[in-house]
């Protein structure tokens, strides 16, 4: 296993195939990280606030915006109320298939979104994301 600047990844997407594919892909990189998957924003908030589940930090959240129960936008609203320490050690990358430029502009204006990645995830995109979020810059 290769030491990683991140300790945990949470895949937040209702598409089980995408979650499975991304989980397998990330594991193939042989990084020493924990990977969790949840099907919507509500389950992600529950996972992040569950005292029994202690996700190691720093933490990367890969967020789909279109999901049932609680979509990505509602997740971001709920995320604002989470513990500041958790938010300071977490990074959010939106994974999207959307070509809607208006929505992408709206996403880039959200202070909780650190990056936007077009699906599908690839080794180049994932390693570039790690470089951008965890090696070149740190949250202050």
N, C-alpha and C. Protein backbone atom coordinates (compact mmCIF):
# COMPACT_ATOMS: atom_id res chain seq x y z
N UNK A 1 0.83 -1.20 0.00
CA UNK A 1 0.00 0.00 0.00
C UNK A 1 0.86 1.25 0.00
N UNK A 2 0.39 2.23 -0.73
CA UNK A 2 1.08 3.51 -0.84
C UNK A 2 0.46 4.48 0.16
N UNK A 3 1.32 5.19 0.90
CA UNK A 3 0.81 6.20 1.83
C UNK A 3 0.06 7.26 1.03
N UNK A 4 -1.04 7.71 1.58
CA UNK A 4 -1.88 8.67 0.88
C UNK A 4 -2.07 9.92 1.73
N UNK A 5 -2.16 11.09 1.08
CA UNK A 5 -2.42 12.31 1.85
C UNK A 5 -3.85 12.37 2.37
N UNK A 6 -4.74 11.51 1.87
CA UNK A 6 -6.09 11.41 2.39
C UNK A 6 -6.23 10.09 3.12
N UNK A 7 -7.12 10.06 4.09
CA UNK A 7 -7.31 8.84 4.88
C UNK A 7 -8.62 8.14 4.56
N UNK A 8 -9.65 8.92 4.12
CA UNK A 8 -10.96 8.35 3.84
C UNK A 8 -11.58 9.02 2.63
N UNK A 9 -12.36 8.22 1.89
CA UNK A 9 -13.16 8.71 0.77
C UNK A 9 -14.59 8.24 0.99
N UNK A 10 -15.55 9.16 0.82
CA UNK A 10 -16.96 8.78 0.87
C UNK A 10 -17.55 9.07 -0.51
N UNK A 11 -18.06 8.02 -1.14
CA UNK A 11 -18.73 8.13 -2.43
C UNK A 11 -20.22 8.34 -2.15
N UNK A 12 -20.74 9.50 -2.54
CA UNK A 12 -22.14 9.84 -2.27
C UNK A 12 -22.86 9.87 -3.62
N UNK A 13 -23.50 8.76 -3.96
CA UNK A 13 -24.13 8.62 -5.27
C UNK A 13 -25.16 7.52 -5.20
N UNK A 14 -26.33 7.74 -5.79
CA UNK A 14 -27.38 6.73 -5.78
C UNK A 14 -27.16 5.65 -6.84
N UNK A 15 -26.22 5.87 -7.73
CA UNK A 15 -25.92 4.89 -8.78
C UNK A 15 -24.94 3.85 -8.23
N UNK A 16 -25.47 2.68 -7.89
CA UNK A 16 -24.65 1.63 -7.29
C UNK A 16 -23.51 1.19 -8.20
N UNK A 17 -23.75 1.18 -9.50
CA UNK A 17 -22.71 0.78 -10.45
C UNK A 17 -21.57 1.79 -10.43
N UNK A 18 -21.90 3.08 -10.42
CA UNK A 18 -20.85 4.11 -10.33
C UNK A 18 -20.06 3.97 -9.04
N UNK A 19 -20.76 3.75 -7.92
CA UNK A 19 -20.07 3.58 -6.64
C UNK A 19 -19.15 2.37 -6.68
N UNK A 20 -19.65 1.27 -7.20
CA UNK A 20 -18.84 0.05 -7.29
C UNK A 20 -17.63 0.28 -8.18
N UNK A 21 -17.85 0.85 -9.35
CA UNK A 21 -16.76 1.13 -10.28
C UNK A 21 -15.72 2.04 -9.64
N UNK A 22 -16.18 3.14 -9.01
CA UNK A 22 -15.25 4.09 -8.40
C UNK A 22 -14.50 3.47 -7.22
N UNK A 23 -15.19 2.65 -6.45
CA UNK A 23 -14.54 1.98 -5.31
C UNK A 23 -13.45 1.03 -5.81
N UNK A 24 -13.76 0.25 -6.80
CA UNK A 24 -12.77 -0.67 -7.38
C UNK A 24 -11.60 0.12 -7.95
N UNK A 25 -11.93 1.16 -8.70
CA UNK A 25 -10.90 1.98 -9.31
C UNK A 25 -9.95 2.57 -8.26
N UNK A 26 -10.51 3.14 -7.21
CA UNK A 26 -9.68 3.76 -6.17
C UNK A 26 -8.83 2.69 -5.47
N UNK A 27 -9.41 1.53 -5.21
CA UNK A 27 -8.63 0.46 -4.57
C UNK A 27 -7.48 -0.01 -5.45
N UNK A 28 -7.68 0.01 -6.78
CA UNK A 28 -6.62 -0.40 -7.70
C UNK A 28 -5.40 0.50 -7.63
N UNK A 29 -5.58 1.73 -7.15
CA UNK A 29 -4.46 2.66 -7.02
C UNK A 29 -3.58 2.29 -5.84
N UNK A 30 -4.02 1.30 -5.05
CA UNK A 30 -3.25 0.77 -3.93
C UNK A 30 -2.89 1.84 -2.89
N UNK A 31 -3.85 2.73 -2.65
CA UNK A 31 -3.67 3.77 -1.64
C UNK A 31 -4.18 3.26 -0.30
N UNK A 32 -3.54 3.67 0.75
CA UNK A 32 -3.94 3.28 2.10
C UNK A 32 -5.05 4.21 2.58
N UNK A 33 -6.28 3.97 2.07
CA UNK A 33 -7.42 4.80 2.45
C UNK A 33 -8.65 3.93 2.68
N UNK A 34 -9.54 4.45 3.52
CA UNK A 34 -10.82 3.81 3.80
C UNK A 34 -11.83 4.37 2.78
N UNK A 35 -12.68 3.50 2.23
CA UNK A 35 -13.68 3.94 1.26
C UNK A 35 -15.06 3.52 1.74
N UNK A 36 -15.98 4.49 1.82
CA UNK A 36 -17.37 4.24 2.20
C UNK A 36 -18.25 4.68 1.04
N UNK A 37 -19.41 4.03 0.89
CA UNK A 37 -20.38 4.46 -0.12
C UNK A 37 -21.74 4.66 0.54
N UNK A 38 -22.44 5.70 0.10
CA UNK A 38 -23.81 5.96 0.55
C UNK A 38 -24.63 6.39 -0.66
N UNK A 39 -25.95 6.15 -0.60
CA UNK A 39 -26.82 6.34 -1.76
C UNK A 39 -27.46 7.73 -1.86
N UNK A 40 -27.30 8.55 -0.84
CA UNK A 40 -27.89 9.90 -0.91
C UNK A 40 -27.27 10.80 0.16
N UNK A 41 -27.62 12.07 0.07
CA UNK A 41 -27.07 13.05 1.00
C UNK A 41 -27.45 12.82 2.44
N UNK A 42 -28.68 12.35 2.68
CA UNK A 42 -29.12 12.09 4.05
C UNK A 42 -28.26 11.01 4.70
N UNK A 43 -27.97 9.96 3.94
CA UNK A 43 -27.12 8.89 4.48
C UNK A 43 -25.69 9.39 4.68
N UNK A 44 -25.25 10.29 3.85
CA UNK A 44 -23.90 10.86 4.02
C UNK A 44 -23.82 11.69 5.29
N UNK A 45 -24.83 12.52 5.53
CA UNK A 45 -24.85 13.33 6.76
C UNK A 45 -24.88 12.40 7.97
N UNK A 46 -25.69 11.35 7.91
CA UNK A 46 -25.76 10.38 9.02
C UNK A 46 -24.40 9.74 9.25
N UNK A 47 -23.72 9.37 8.18
CA UNK A 47 -22.40 8.74 8.29
C UNK A 47 -21.39 9.72 8.91
N UNK A 48 -21.41 10.95 8.45
CA UNK A 48 -20.46 11.96 8.94
C UNK A 48 -20.69 12.33 10.40
N UNK A 49 -21.93 12.21 10.87
CA UNK A 49 -22.24 12.61 12.25
C UNK A 49 -22.35 11.43 13.21
N UNK A 50 -22.25 10.22 12.71
CA UNK A 50 -22.35 9.02 13.54
C UNK A 50 -21.11 8.90 14.43
N UNK A 51 -21.30 8.94 15.72
CA UNK A 51 -20.19 8.86 16.66
C UNK A 51 -19.50 7.50 16.65
N UNK A 52 -20.21 6.46 16.23
CA UNK A 52 -19.62 5.11 16.18
C UNK A 52 -18.72 4.95 14.96
N UNK A 53 -19.06 5.64 13.89
CA UNK A 53 -18.27 5.57 12.66
C UNK A 53 -17.30 6.73 12.66
N UNK A 54 -16.09 6.46 12.91
CA UNK A 54 -15.07 7.50 12.94
C UNK A 54 -14.25 7.42 11.65
N UNK A 55 -14.61 8.23 10.68
CA UNK A 55 -13.85 8.28 9.45
C UNK A 55 -12.55 9.01 9.71
N UNK A 56 -11.46 8.42 9.25
CA UNK A 56 -10.17 9.08 9.43
C UNK A 56 -10.08 10.29 8.52
N UNK A 57 -9.39 11.28 8.98
CA UNK A 57 -9.23 12.52 8.24
C UNK A 57 -7.77 12.74 7.90
N UNK A 58 -7.50 13.48 6.82
CA UNK A 58 -8.40 14.22 5.97
C UNK A 58 -9.30 13.32 5.14
N UNK A 59 -10.44 13.89 4.80
CA UNK A 59 -11.54 13.15 4.20
C UNK A 59 -11.93 13.78 2.86
N UNK A 60 -12.15 12.95 1.86
CA UNK A 60 -12.61 13.41 0.56
C UNK A 60 -14.02 12.90 0.32
N UNK A 61 -14.93 13.81 0.02
CA UNK A 61 -16.31 13.46 -0.30
C UNK A 61 -16.49 13.63 -1.80
N UNK A 62 -16.84 12.55 -2.50
CA UNK A 62 -17.13 12.62 -3.92
C UNK A 62 -18.65 12.62 -4.06
N UNK A 63 -19.20 13.76 -4.43
CA UNK A 63 -20.63 14.03 -4.34
C UNK A 63 -21.30 14.11 -5.70
N UNK A 64 -22.32 13.26 -5.90
CA UNK A 64 -23.20 13.38 -7.05
C UNK A 64 -24.27 14.40 -6.67
N UNK A 65 -24.74 15.17 -7.60
CA UNK A 65 -25.73 16.21 -7.28
C UNK A 65 -27.16 15.73 -7.43
N UNK A 66 -27.41 14.77 -8.31
CA UNK A 66 -28.78 14.31 -8.55
C UNK A 66 -28.99 12.94 -7.90
N UNK A 67 -29.70 12.97 -6.77
CA UNK A 67 -30.01 11.75 -6.01
C UNK A 67 -31.39 11.90 -5.39
N UNK A 68 -32.04 10.77 -5.11
CA UNK A 68 -33.32 10.84 -4.38
C UNK A 68 -33.08 11.11 -2.90
N UNK A 69 -34.13 11.34 -2.17
CA UNK A 69 -34.16 11.58 -0.72
C UNK A 69 -33.52 12.92 -0.39
N UNK A 70 -32.20 13.05 -0.55
CA UNK A 70 -31.50 14.32 -0.34
C UNK A 70 -30.47 14.45 -1.45
N UNK A 71 -30.68 15.41 -2.35
CA UNK A 71 -29.74 15.58 -3.45
C UNK A 71 -28.48 16.31 -2.97
N UNK A 72 -27.56 16.53 -3.89
CA UNK A 72 -26.30 17.18 -3.53
C UNK A 72 -26.45 18.59 -3.01
N UNK A 73 -27.41 19.36 -3.56
CA UNK A 73 -27.62 20.72 -3.11
C UNK A 73 -28.12 20.74 -1.67
N UNK A 74 -29.06 19.87 -1.35
CA UNK A 74 -29.58 19.79 0.03
C UNK A 74 -28.50 19.27 0.98
N UNK A 75 -27.67 18.34 0.48
CA UNK A 75 -26.55 17.86 1.29
C UNK A 75 -25.64 19.03 1.66
N UNK A 76 -25.33 19.88 0.69
CA UNK A 76 -24.44 21.01 0.96
C UNK A 76 -25.03 21.97 2.00
N UNK A 77 -26.35 22.15 1.97
CA UNK A 77 -27.01 22.98 2.99
C UNK A 77 -26.86 22.34 4.37
N UNK A 78 -27.09 21.04 4.46
CA UNK A 78 -26.96 20.33 5.75
C UNK A 78 -25.50 20.29 6.20
N UNK A 79 -24.59 20.16 5.27
CA UNK A 79 -23.16 20.10 5.55
C UNK A 79 -22.70 21.37 6.28
N UNK A 80 -23.29 22.52 5.91
CA UNK A 80 -22.94 23.79 6.56
C UNK A 80 -23.12 23.77 8.07
N UNK A 81 -24.04 22.92 8.55
CA UNK A 81 -24.30 22.90 9.99
C UNK A 81 -23.47 21.85 10.73
N UNK A 82 -22.63 21.12 10.02
CA UNK A 82 -21.79 20.11 10.68
C UNK A 82 -20.68 20.78 11.46
N UNK A 83 -20.07 20.00 12.32
CA UNK A 83 -18.96 20.43 13.16
C UNK A 83 -17.86 21.10 12.31
N UNK A 84 -17.42 22.26 12.74
CA UNK A 84 -16.41 23.01 11.99
C UNK A 84 -15.11 22.23 11.82
N UNK A 85 -14.72 21.51 12.85
CA UNK A 85 -13.49 20.72 12.76
C UNK A 85 -13.59 19.68 11.64
N UNK A 86 -14.75 19.02 11.55
CA UNK A 86 -14.97 18.04 10.49
C UNK A 86 -14.91 18.72 9.12
N UNK A 87 -15.58 19.85 8.97
CA UNK A 87 -15.59 20.56 7.70
C UNK A 87 -14.19 21.04 7.32
N UNK A 88 -13.38 21.43 8.29
CA UNK A 88 -12.03 21.89 8.00
C UNK A 88 -11.11 20.77 7.53
N UNK A 89 -11.47 19.54 7.85
CA UNK A 89 -10.65 18.39 7.45
C UNK A 89 -11.29 17.58 6.32
N UNK A 90 -12.31 18.18 5.69
CA UNK A 90 -13.03 17.51 4.60
C UNK A 90 -12.97 18.35 3.34
N UNK A 91 -12.94 17.68 2.22
CA UNK A 91 -12.96 18.32 0.92
C UNK A 91 -14.08 17.70 0.11
N UNK A 92 -14.76 18.51 -0.68
CA UNK A 92 -15.87 18.02 -1.49
C UNK A 92 -15.55 18.23 -2.96
N UNK A 93 -15.64 17.13 -3.70
CA UNK A 93 -15.52 17.19 -5.16
C UNK A 93 -16.84 16.69 -5.73
N UNK A 94 -17.45 17.49 -6.57
CA UNK A 94 -18.69 17.10 -7.23
C UNK A 94 -18.33 16.24 -8.44
N UNK A 95 -18.96 15.08 -8.52
CA UNK A 95 -18.84 14.22 -9.70
C UNK A 95 -20.12 14.40 -10.50
N UNK A 96 -20.01 14.80 -11.76
CA UNK A 96 -21.21 15.12 -12.51
C UNK A 96 -21.13 14.66 -13.96
N UNK A 97 -22.29 14.41 -14.52
CA UNK A 97 -22.40 14.16 -15.96
C UNK A 97 -23.07 15.37 -16.61
N UNK A 98 -23.44 16.34 -15.81
CA UNK A 98 -24.19 17.50 -16.28
C UNK A 98 -23.38 18.35 -17.25
N UNK A 99 -24.06 18.74 -18.31
CA UNK A 99 -23.49 19.69 -19.25
C UNK A 99 -24.10 21.07 -19.03
N UNK A 100 -24.97 21.19 -18.02
CA UNK A 100 -25.68 22.43 -17.74
C UNK A 100 -24.71 23.46 -17.15
N UNK A 101 -24.31 24.40 -17.97
CA UNK A 101 -23.32 25.39 -17.55
C UNK A 101 -23.83 26.24 -16.39
N UNK A 102 -25.11 26.56 -16.36
CA UNK A 102 -25.68 27.37 -15.28
C UNK A 102 -25.52 26.67 -13.94
N UNK A 103 -25.78 25.35 -13.91
CA UNK A 103 -25.62 24.60 -12.67
C UNK A 103 -24.14 24.52 -12.27
N UNK A 104 -23.25 24.37 -13.24
CA UNK A 104 -21.83 24.29 -12.93
C UNK A 104 -21.32 25.63 -12.36
N UNK A 105 -21.79 26.73 -12.91
CA UNK A 105 -21.41 28.04 -12.38
C UNK A 105 -21.91 28.19 -10.95
N UNK A 106 -23.13 27.74 -10.71
CA UNK A 106 -23.70 27.78 -9.36
C UNK A 106 -22.86 26.94 -8.40
N UNK A 107 -22.42 25.77 -8.85
CA UNK A 107 -21.61 24.88 -8.01
C UNK A 107 -20.26 25.52 -7.69
N UNK A 108 -19.65 26.18 -8.66
CA UNK A 108 -18.33 26.77 -8.40
C UNK A 108 -18.41 27.92 -7.41
N UNK A 109 -19.60 28.50 -7.25
CA UNK A 109 -19.77 29.60 -6.30
C UNK A 109 -20.01 29.11 -4.88
N UNK A 110 -20.29 27.81 -4.71
CA UNK A 110 -20.54 27.27 -3.38
C UNK A 110 -19.20 27.10 -2.66
N UNK A 111 -19.03 27.74 -1.51
CA UNK A 111 -17.73 27.69 -0.82
C UNK A 111 -17.35 26.30 -0.31
N UNK A 112 -18.32 25.38 -0.21
CA UNK A 112 -17.99 24.04 0.26
C UNK A 112 -17.48 23.12 -0.85
N UNK A 113 -17.67 23.52 -2.09
CA UNK A 113 -17.23 22.69 -3.21
C UNK A 113 -15.80 23.08 -3.57
N UNK A 114 -14.91 22.12 -3.45
CA UNK A 114 -13.50 22.34 -3.73
C UNK A 114 -13.10 22.01 -5.16
N UNK A 115 -13.90 21.17 -5.83
CA UNK A 115 -13.57 20.78 -7.20
C UNK A 115 -14.81 20.21 -7.87
N UNK A 116 -14.81 20.27 -9.19
CA UNK A 116 -15.87 19.66 -9.99
C UNK A 116 -15.19 18.75 -11.01
N UNK A 117 -15.62 17.49 -11.03
CA UNK A 117 -15.04 16.49 -11.92
C UNK A 117 -16.16 15.91 -12.79
N UNK A 118 -15.93 15.84 -14.07
CA UNK A 118 -16.90 15.20 -14.95
C UNK A 118 -16.72 13.69 -14.89
N UNK A 119 -17.86 13.00 -14.77
CA UNK A 119 -17.84 11.53 -14.79
C UNK A 119 -17.48 11.06 -16.19
N UNK A 120 -16.85 9.93 -16.33
CA UNK A 120 -16.45 9.00 -15.28
C UNK A 120 -15.12 9.40 -14.65
N UNK A 121 -14.93 8.94 -13.44
CA UNK A 121 -13.68 9.15 -12.74
C UNK A 121 -12.60 8.34 -13.46
N UNK A 122 -11.40 8.86 -13.50
CA UNK A 122 -10.27 8.15 -14.10
C UNK A 122 -9.06 8.30 -13.20
N UNK A 123 -8.02 7.52 -13.46
CA UNK A 123 -6.79 7.64 -12.67
C UNK A 123 -6.24 9.06 -12.76
N UNK A 124 -6.22 9.61 -13.97
CA UNK A 124 -5.69 10.95 -14.17
C UNK A 124 -6.51 11.98 -13.39
N UNK A 125 -7.84 11.88 -13.47
CA UNK A 125 -8.71 12.82 -12.75
C UNK A 125 -8.56 12.67 -11.25
N UNK A 126 -8.51 11.43 -10.75
CA UNK A 126 -8.42 11.21 -9.31
C UNK A 126 -7.07 11.68 -8.77
N UNK A 127 -5.98 11.33 -9.43
CA UNK A 127 -4.67 11.76 -8.95
C UNK A 127 -4.51 13.28 -9.06
N UNK A 128 -5.09 13.87 -10.12
CA UNK A 128 -5.08 15.33 -10.25
C UNK A 128 -5.84 15.99 -9.11
N UNK A 129 -6.96 15.39 -8.73
CA UNK A 129 -7.77 15.89 -7.62
C UNK A 129 -6.99 15.81 -6.31
N UNK A 130 -6.33 14.71 -6.07
CA UNK A 130 -5.51 14.55 -4.85
C UNK A 130 -4.41 15.61 -4.83
N UNK A 131 -3.76 15.79 -5.97
CA UNK A 131 -2.71 16.82 -6.06
C UNK A 131 -3.26 18.20 -5.72
N UNK A 132 -4.39 18.54 -6.34
CA UNK A 132 -4.98 19.86 -6.16
C UNK A 132 -5.44 20.11 -4.73
N UNK A 133 -6.13 19.13 -4.16
CA UNK A 133 -6.77 19.36 -2.86
C UNK A 133 -5.88 19.05 -1.66
N UNK A 134 -5.01 18.08 -1.79
CA UNK A 134 -4.29 17.62 -0.61
C UNK A 134 -2.79 17.88 -0.62
N UNK A 135 -2.25 18.10 -1.77
CA UNK A 135 -0.79 18.29 -1.82
C UNK A 135 -0.44 19.75 -2.09
N UNK A 136 -1.07 20.35 -3.09
CA UNK A 136 -0.76 21.74 -3.43
C UNK A 136 -1.38 22.75 -2.48
N UNK A 137 -2.60 22.46 -2.00
CA UNK A 137 -3.24 23.43 -1.10
C UNK A 137 -3.87 22.71 0.08
N UNK A 138 -3.90 23.35 1.18
CA UNK A 138 -4.55 22.83 2.39
C UNK A 138 -5.61 23.84 2.79
N UNK A 139 -6.70 23.33 3.37
CA UNK A 139 -7.74 24.25 3.88
C UNK A 139 -7.19 25.04 5.05
N UNK A 140 -7.58 26.28 5.13
CA UNK A 140 -7.12 27.11 6.25
C UNK A 140 -8.24 27.36 7.22
